[in-house]
Protein backbone atom coordinates (compact mmCIF):
# COMPACT_ATOMS: atom_id res chain seq x y z
CA MET A 1 131.51 60.72 177.62
CA GLY A 2 127.96 59.57 176.85
CA TYR A 3 126.13 56.41 177.77
CA PHE A 4 124.29 53.76 175.79
CA LYS A 5 120.59 54.18 175.16
CA ASP A 6 119.54 52.01 172.24
CA GLU A 7 116.15 52.85 170.72
CA HIS A 8 114.59 50.44 168.24
CA TRP A 9 111.26 51.06 166.48
CA ILE A 10 108.74 48.56 165.18
CA ILE A 11 106.42 50.37 162.78
CA ASP A 12 103.10 48.75 161.86
CA GLY A 13 100.66 49.60 159.10
CA GLU A 14 99.50 48.77 155.62
CA GLU A 15 102.22 47.59 153.28
CA LYS A 16 101.84 50.40 150.73
CA ASP A 17 101.99 53.07 153.45
CA LEU A 18 105.09 51.51 154.99
CA ARG A 19 106.83 51.26 151.64
CA LYS A 20 106.34 55.02 151.21
CA LEU A 21 107.48 55.64 154.79
CA ARG A 22 110.60 53.53 154.22
CA LEU A 23 111.55 55.68 151.23
CA PHE A 24 110.96 58.80 153.36
CA ILE A 25 113.19 57.41 156.13
CA LEU A 26 115.97 56.53 153.68
CA SER A 27 115.78 60.05 152.26
CA GLU A 28 115.95 61.58 155.74
CA LEU A 29 118.96 59.43 156.64
CA GLU A 30 120.76 60.51 153.47
CA LYS A 31 120.01 64.18 154.21
CA GLU A 32 121.06 63.97 157.85
CA PHE A 33 124.30 62.11 157.12
CA ASP A 34 125.19 63.81 153.82
CA ASP A 35 128.73 64.53 155.07
CA GLU A 36 129.34 60.76 155.26
CA PRO A 37 127.72 59.28 152.12
CA ARG A 38 126.69 55.67 152.64
CA ASP A 39 124.10 53.11 151.60
CA PHE A 40 121.38 52.93 154.26
CA SER A 41 119.39 50.17 152.54
CA GLY A 42 121.08 47.53 154.72
CA TYR A 43 120.44 49.51 157.90
CA LEU A 44 116.73 49.89 157.18
CA ILE A 45 115.60 46.48 156.01
CA PRO A 46 112.75 46.13 153.49
CA VAL A 47 109.14 46.15 154.69
CA ILE A 48 108.11 42.79 156.13
CA THR A 49 104.72 41.74 154.82
CA GLY A 50 102.12 39.97 156.90
CA LEU A 51 100.35 36.80 155.86
CA ALA A 52 97.00 38.48 155.12
CA ASN A 53 95.10 41.71 154.56
CA GLY A 54 98.02 43.87 153.40
CA TYR A 55 99.43 44.46 156.88
CA ALA A 56 103.15 44.80 157.34
CA CYS A 57 105.88 46.09 159.62
CA LEU A 58 109.10 48.00 159.31
CA PHE A 59 112.01 47.84 161.73
CA LEU A 60 114.18 50.87 162.47
CA PRO A 61 117.15 49.68 164.56
CA ALA A 62 119.08 51.71 167.10
CA ASP A 63 121.96 53.77 165.75
CA GLY A 64 124.46 52.17 168.15
CA SER A 65 125.97 55.51 169.18
CA LYS A 66 126.27 56.81 172.72
CA GLU A 67 123.90 59.55 173.88
CA GLY A 68 125.33 62.99 173.21
CA TRP A 69 127.52 61.83 170.32
CA SER A 70 126.87 63.29 166.87
CA THR A 71 125.38 60.11 165.39
CA SER A 72 122.95 59.82 168.30
CA GLU A 73 121.95 63.48 168.00
CA SER A 74 121.45 63.12 164.24
CA MET A 75 119.27 60.04 164.66
CA ASP A 76 117.18 61.86 167.27
CA GLU A 77 116.50 64.47 164.57
CA VAL A 78 115.60 61.79 162.01
CA ARG A 79 113.25 60.03 164.46
CA GLU A 80 111.53 63.36 165.22
CA ARG A 81 110.89 63.95 161.50
CA ILE A 82 109.57 60.39 161.12
CA LEU A 83 107.17 60.97 164.02
CA LYS A 84 105.88 64.18 162.43
CA LYS A 85 105.35 62.37 159.12
CA VAL A 86 103.48 59.51 160.81
CA TYR A 87 101.38 61.84 162.97
CA HIS A 88 100.40 63.81 159.88
CA HIS A 89 99.57 60.60 157.99
CA ASN A 90 97.41 59.40 160.86
CA ALA A 91 95.59 62.74 161.06
CA VAL A 92 94.49 62.62 157.43
CA SER A 93 94.15 58.88 156.75
CA THR A 94 91.88 56.12 157.98
CA ARG A 95 94.79 53.68 157.62
CA HIS A 96 96.90 54.43 160.66
CA ILE A 97 100.57 53.71 161.18
CA GLY A 98 101.66 52.66 164.67
CA ILE A 99 105.10 52.86 166.26
CA ILE A 100 106.38 50.84 169.19
CA SER A 101 109.62 52.10 170.71
CA ILE A 102 111.86 49.62 172.52
CA VAL A 103 114.53 51.37 174.56
CA ASP A 104 117.46 49.71 176.31
CA ASP A 105 118.96 52.41 178.54
CA GLU A 106 122.04 51.43 180.53
CA ALA A 107 120.85 53.77 183.30
CA THR A 108 117.18 52.77 183.54
CA GLY A 109 116.91 49.40 181.81
CA LEU A 110 114.48 48.14 179.19
CA SER A 111 111.21 49.91 178.35
CA VAL A 112 108.55 49.60 175.68
CA GLU A 113 106.29 52.47 174.65
CA ARG A 114 103.63 53.06 172.04
CA LEU A 115 104.42 56.43 170.46
CA THR A 116 101.40 58.63 169.91
CA GLY A 117 100.91 62.30 169.40
CA GLU A 118 99.57 65.08 167.27
CA VAL A 119 100.94 67.04 164.36
CA GLU A 120 102.62 70.24 165.53
């Protein structure tokens, strides 16, 4: 049956890095959902620029699907590839990208986590 577990990401970094990451994410979405062609540009809004110093953020909303359903499983795959890309970027760059995950799980409630890790 599945249950709702919405996971939203706020991604923080320099504007030029996030613009590249946004293009990567759009490409990954198109690859993952190639059996259902659609325009993801409205799902993944443009990079939001800060007021100074080139800082910006990017918002990746929840997919809206129940856990265990195909859309949810596909988005889990996309998020994993995004994490690998960000971890690699952070390993080789002095300009780090940060990700905050906001999860609303109908079983456990609301949680916020800073995602960190290493390149596999």
